[in-house]
Amino acid sequence: MRQLILLLAAVVSVAVFTGCTGPERKLARGWDNTLELVRWGDMRQSIEQEGVFSGPDYTYSYGTIHGFDQSLCRAGLGLYEVVTFPIPSYNPIWTTKVPAIPQTPDSYKPGLIYDSTFGTDTYTGYTGGDVAPFIPGSRFKIFDN
């Protein structure tokens, strides 16, 4: 029992003195890269870039194959980083093949929908929006006559 307490104290002291920013970043980067199989951002970006720079002949043949390969590489790298996140060397690896930041098509601009619902309230400073805009009547309204 005494050895277990000493081991636990040693682990806690190492965690306190070394910090956990490195493992957190590695785990978050790995999770983002693993979710590439859900969003397929590298594939969409590759198809768009091939369509712009190489023409329609290569868009769906080379663009799709290259993007699919890039997405699988990113997901495999992400899975590796998720499994090995507690092990040191917290810098991104294999950045010559897979950029550290997940790719998105150039035509995709993430953000909120431009609407008065999402705009900042000038009096309180809060922003907001619909929870489920695809459901009719889902907006919460006050003082609506």
Protein backbone atom coordinates (compact mmCIF):
# COMPACT_ATOMS: atom_id res chain seq x y z
CA MET A 1 0.00 0.00 0.00
CA ARG A 2 2.83 2.35 0.87
CA GLN A 3 4.49 1.68 -2.51
CA LEU A 4 1.24 2.46 -4.32
CA ILE A 5 0.91 5.78 -2.49
CA LEU A 6 4.51 6.67 -3.33
CA LEU A 7 3.97 5.77 -6.98
CA LEU A 8 0.77 7.84 -7.13
CA ALA A 9 2.54 10.79 -5.47
CA ALA A 10 5.38 10.54 -8.00
CA VAL A 11 2.95 10.50 -10.94
CA VAL A 12 1.01 13.47 -9.59
CA SER A 13 4.17 15.48 -8.92
CA VAL A 14 5.49 14.78 -12.43
CA ALA A 15 2.15 15.86 -13.93
CA VAL A 16 2.08 19.04 -11.84
CA PHE A 17 5.65 20.09 -12.57
CA THR A 18 5.77 19.19 -16.26
CA GLY A 19 2.32 20.43 -17.26
CA CYS A 20 -0.02 18.77 -19.68
CA THR A 21 -0.09 21.17 -22.62
CA GLY A 22 1.92 18.85 -24.89
CA PRO A 23 -0.25 15.77 -24.42
CA GLU A 24 -3.44 17.86 -24.68
CA ARG A 25 -2.35 19.35 -27.99
CA LYS A 26 -1.26 15.97 -29.33
CA LEU A 27 -4.56 14.35 -28.32
CA ALA A 28 -6.61 17.21 -29.80
CA ARG A 29 -4.61 17.18 -33.05
CA GLY A 30 -4.98 13.40 -33.25
CA TRP A 31 -8.72 13.59 -32.62
CA ASP A 32 -9.13 16.27 -35.32
CA ASN A 33 -7.15 14.18 -37.78
CA THR A 34 -9.04 10.98 -36.92
CA LEU A 35 -12.35 12.71 -37.64
CA GLU A 36 -11.16 13.26 -41.21
CA LEU A 37 -13.08 10.09 -42.11
CA VAL A 38 -16.27 11.95 -41.18
CA ARG A 39 -15.65 15.29 -42.88
CA TRP A 40 -13.45 14.33 -45.91
CA GLY A 41 -11.96 17.83 -46.07
CA ASP A 42 -8.73 16.77 -47.80
CA MET A 43 -10.67 14.95 -50.49
CA ARG A 44 -12.97 17.90 -51.15
CA GLN A 45 -9.98 20.27 -51.23
CA SER A 46 -8.07 18.02 -53.65
CA ILE A 47 -11.05 17.70 -56.01
CA GLU A 48 -11.54 21.48 -55.99
CA GLN A 49 -7.85 22.25 -56.58
CA GLU A 50 -7.55 19.74 -59.43
CA GLY A 51 -10.66 21.20 -61.04
CA VAL A 52 -9.23 24.71 -60.88
CA PHE A 53 -5.63 24.04 -61.86
CA SER A 54 -5.74 20.92 -64.05
CA GLY A 55 -9.13 21.12 -65.69
CA PRO A 56 -12.14 18.82 -65.67
CA ASP A 57 -10.23 15.83 -67.08
CA TYR A 58 -8.29 15.28 -63.87
CA THR A 59 -10.85 16.53 -61.37
CA TYR A 60 -12.66 13.32 -60.61
CA SER A 61 -9.93 10.85 -61.48
CA TYR A 62 -6.72 12.18 -59.94
CA GLY A 63 -8.40 14.61 -57.53
CA THR A 64 -10.61 11.95 -55.98
CA ILE A 65 -7.87 9.33 -55.68
CA HIS A 66 -5.31 11.78 -54.28
CA GLY A 67 -7.85 13.25 -51.85
CA PHE A 68 -8.97 9.81 -50.68
CA ASP A 69 -5.35 8.81 -50.10
CA GLN A 70 -4.68 12.07 -48.23
CA SER A 71 -7.76 11.58 -46.03
CA LEU A 72 -6.80 8.00 -45.14
CA CYS A 73 -3.25 9.11 -44.32
CA ARG A 74 -4.58 11.88 -42.08
CA ALA A 75 -6.98 9.51 -40.29
CA GLY A 76 -4.23 6.93 -39.73
CA LEU A 77 -1.87 9.60 -38.42
CA GLY A 78 -4.62 10.89 -36.13
CA LEU A 79 -5.26 7.42 -34.77
CA TYR A 80 -1.53 7.04 -34.09
CA GLU A 81 -1.47 10.37 -32.22
CA VAL A 82 -4.54 9.48 -30.16
CA VAL A 83 -3.00 6.17 -29.08
CA THR A 84 0.44 7.65 -28.31
CA PHE A 85 -0.59 11.01 -26.81
CA PRO A 86 0.93 10.37 -23.34
CA ILE A 87 4.33 9.49 -24.87
CA PRO A 88 6.68 12.48 -25.39
CA SER A 89 7.55 14.06 -28.73
CA TYR A 90 4.44 16.18 -28.87
CA ASN A 91 5.30 17.94 -32.14
CA PRO A 92 3.41 17.03 -35.32
CA ILE A 93 5.05 14.24 -37.29
CA TRP A 94 5.08 13.42 -40.98
CA THR A 95 4.28 17.01 -41.98
CA THR A 96 5.81 16.59 -45.44
CA LYS A 97 2.98 14.25 -46.44
CA VAL A 98 0.12 15.45 -44.22
CA PRO A 99 -0.06 19.10 -43.08
CA ALA A 100 -0.54 19.52 -39.32
CA ILE A 101 -3.78 21.51 -39.78
CA PRO A 102 -6.70 19.69 -41.46
CA GLN A 103 -7.43 21.03 -44.94
CA THR A 104 -10.70 22.48 -46.20
CA PRO A 105 -11.65 23.55 -49.72
CA ASP A 106 -10.84 27.17 -50.52
CA SER A 107 -14.49 27.82 -51.33
CA TYR A 108 -15.56 26.78 -47.82
CA LYS A 109 -15.71 29.65 -45.36
CA PRO A 110 -16.79 28.41 -41.93
CA GLY A 111 -18.79 30.69 -39.71
CA LEU A 112 -22.28 31.59 -38.61
CA ILE A 113 -25.04 32.30 -41.08
CA TYR A 114 -25.36 36.03 -41.67
CA ASP A 115 -28.71 36.83 -40.12
CA SER A 116 -30.01 39.24 -37.54
CA THR A 117 -30.56 36.26 -35.27
CA PHE A 118 -26.81 35.60 -35.13
CA GLY A 119 -25.75 39.26 -34.93
CA THR A 120 -24.43 40.72 -31.71
CA ASP A 121 -27.04 42.40 -29.59
CA THR A 122 -25.89 45.99 -29.18
CA TYR A 123 -27.26 46.30 -25.66
CA THR A 124 -26.14 43.08 -23.99
CA GLY A 125 -23.30 41.83 -26.21
CA TYR A 126 -24.71 38.33 -26.57
CA THR A 127 -24.82 36.41 -29.82
CA GLY A 128 -26.96 33.42 -30.61
CA GLY A 129 -28.93 31.57 -33.20
CA ASP A 130 -31.35 28.80 -33.90
CA VAL A 131 -30.86 25.43 -32.32
CA ALA A 132 -32.69 23.61 -35.10
CA PRO A 133 -33.45 26.04 -37.95
CA PHE A 134 -34.72 23.23 -40.18
CA ILE A 135 -37.72 22.67 -37.86
CA PRO A 136 -40.51 25.18 -38.56
CA GLY A 137 -41.34 27.37 -35.58
CA SER A 138 -38.22 26.41 -33.63
CA ARG A 139 -37.09 30.00 -32.98
CA PHE A 140 -37.54 31.27 -29.48
CA LYS A 141 -39.29 34.63 -29.66
CA ILE A 142 -40.14 37.15 -26.98
CA PHE A 143 -42.80 39.83 -27.38
CA ASP A 144 -43.97 38.41 -30.70
CA ASN A 145 -47.52 39.51 -31.48
